[in-house]
């Protein structure tokens, strides 16, 4: 699993390459890529902050109120 720090490193590398680029379209593409890597880092951090969810278990007919199948 990729960490938020790794995503932020990718964003930093895009920005570094953007600063060195001379073609406007390339600079714009690298800037957009950096924004996307940053968004992924933010998303990963939000996911990491969520409490662990209990695994789902199958509910049988008695719990759902549905008639039992024979």
C-alpha atoms as a PDB file:
ATOM      1  CA  UNK A   1       0.000   0.000   0.000  1.00  0.00           C
ATOM      2  CA  UNK A   2       1.316   3.402  -0.931  1.00  0.00           C
ATOM      3  CA  UNK A   3       1.638   5.836   1.964  1.00  0.00           C
ATOM      4  CA  UNK A   4       0.655   9.486   2.042  1.00  0.00           C
ATOM      5  CA  UNK A   5       4.333  10.387   2.368  1.00  0.00           C
ATOM      6  CA  UNK A   6       5.132   8.497  -0.844  1.00  0.00           C
ATOM      7  CA  UNK A   7       2.327  10.285  -2.686  1.00  0.00           C
ATOM      8  CA  UNK A   8       3.642  13.619  -1.423  1.00  0.00           C
ATOM      9  CA  UNK A   9       7.125  12.695  -2.638  1.00  0.00           C
ATOM     10  CA  UNK A  10       5.723  11.995  -6.115  1.00  0.00           C
ATOM     11  CA  UNK A  11       4.020  15.400  -6.029  1.00  0.00           C
ATOM     12  CA  UNK A  12       7.284  17.077  -5.054  1.00  0.00           C
ATOM     13  CA  UNK A  13       9.076  15.342  -7.925  1.00  0.00           C
ATOM     14  CA  UNK A  14       6.433  16.581 -10.363  1.00  0.00           C
ATOM     15  CA  UNK A  15       6.839  20.138  -9.102  1.00  0.00           C
ATOM     16  CA  UNK A  16      10.618  19.905  -9.383  1.00  0.00           C
ATOM     17  CA  UNK A  17      10.320  18.688 -12.982  1.00  0.00           C
ATOM     18  CA  UNK A  18       7.749  21.407 -13.683  1.00  0.00           C
ATOM     19  CA  UNK A  19      10.191  24.103 -12.582  1.00  0.00           C
ATOM     20  CA  UNK A  20      12.800  22.749 -14.999  1.00  0.00           C
ATOM     21  CA  UNK A  21      10.391  22.387 -17.934  1.00  0.00           C
ATOM     22  CA  UNK A  22      10.286  25.103 -20.565  1.00  0.00           C
ATOM     23  CA  UNK A  23       7.279  23.964 -22.600  1.00  0.00           C
ATOM     24  CA  UNK A  24       4.073  25.443 -21.146  1.00  0.00           C
ATOM     25  CA  UNK A  25       1.992  22.336 -21.876  1.00  0.00           C
ATOM     26  CA  UNK A  26       4.517  20.130 -20.079  1.00  0.00           C
ATOM     27  CA  UNK A  27       4.589  22.500 -17.108  1.00  0.00           C
ATOM     28  CA  UNK A  28       0.780  22.431 -16.922  1.00  0.00           C
ATOM     29  CA  UNK A  29       0.653  18.637 -17.119  1.00  0.00           C
ATOM     30  CA  UNK A  30       3.256  18.249 -14.367  1.00  0.00           C
ATOM     31  CA  UNK A  31       1.389  20.735 -12.188  1.00  0.00           C
ATOM     32  CA  UNK A  32      -1.844  18.780 -12.673  1.00  0.00           C
ATOM     33  CA  UNK A  33      -0.045  15.536 -11.816  1.00  0.00           C
ATOM     34  CA  UNK A  34       1.331  17.121  -8.633  1.00  0.00           C
ATOM     35  CA  UNK A  35      -2.183  18.204  -7.647  1.00  0.00           C
ATOM     36  CA  UNK A  36      -3.485  14.676  -8.180  1.00  0.00           C
ATOM     37  CA  UNK A  37      -0.672  13.114  -6.134  1.00  0.00           C
ATOM     38  CA  UNK A  38      -1.430  15.586  -3.347  1.00  0.00           C
ATOM     39  CA  UNK A  39      -5.130  14.712  -3.477  1.00  0.00           C
ATOM     40  CA  UNK A  40      -4.238  11.022  -3.180  1.00  0.00           C
ATOM     41  CA  UNK A  41      -2.030  11.793  -0.181  1.00  0.00           C
ATOM     42  CA  UNK A  42      -4.884  13.702   1.470  1.00  0.00           C
ATOM     43  CA  UNK A  43      -7.271  10.823   0.780  1.00  0.00           C
ATOM     44  CA  UNK A  44      -4.827   8.272   2.210  1.00  0.00           C
ATOM     45  CA  UNK A  45      -4.438  10.357   5.363  1.00  0.00           C
ATOM     46  CA  UNK A  46      -8.221  10.522   5.793  1.00  0.00           C
ATOM     47  CA  UNK A  47      -8.445   6.747   5.354  1.00  0.00           C
ATOM     48  CA  UNK A  48      -5.668   6.219   7.881  1.00  0.00           C
ATOM     49  CA  UNK A  49      -7.526   8.390  10.398  1.00  0.00           C
ATOM     50  CA  UNK A  50     -10.719   6.303  10.191  1.00  0.00           C
ATOM     51  CA  UNK A  51     -11.239   3.735  12.943  1.00  0.00           C
ATOM     52  CA  UNK A  52     -10.813   0.145  11.866  1.00  0.00           C
ATOM     53  CA  UNK A  53     -14.129  -1.303  10.784  1.00  0.00           C
ATOM     54  CA  UNK A  54     -15.266  -4.588  12.223  1.00  0.00           C
ATOM     55  CA  UNK A  55     -15.469  -7.314   9.602  1.00  0.00           C
ATOM     56  CA  UNK A  56     -18.948  -7.927   8.265  1.00  0.00           C
ATOM     57  CA  UNK A  57     -20.591 -11.161   9.208  1.00  0.00           C
ATOM     58  CA  UNK A  58     -23.415 -12.887   7.448  1.00  0.00           C
ATOM     59  CA  UNK A  59     -26.793 -12.465   9.126  1.00  0.00           C
ATOM     60  CA  UNK A  60     -29.012 -15.522   9.148  1.00  0.00           C
ATOM     61  CA  UNK A  61     -32.801 -15.606   8.793  1.00  0.00           C
ATOM     62  CA  UNK A  62     -33.407 -15.374  12.554  1.00  0.00           C
ATOM     63  CA  UNK A  63     -31.648 -11.988  12.687  1.00  0.00           C
ATOM     64  CA  UNK A  64     -33.349 -10.497   9.632  1.00  0.00           C
ATOM     65  CA  UNK A  65     -36.855 -11.673  10.441  1.00  0.00           C
ATOM     66  CA  UNK A  66     -37.054 -13.467   7.128  1.00  0.00           C
ATOM     67  CA  UNK A  67     -38.725 -16.869   7.009  1.00  0.00           C
ATOM     68  CA  UNK A  68     -36.314 -19.770   7.288  1.00  0.00           C
ATOM     69  CA  UNK A  69     -35.697 -21.829   4.190  1.00  0.00           C
ATOM     70  CA  UNK A  70     -36.009 -25.584   4.411  1.00  0.00           C
END
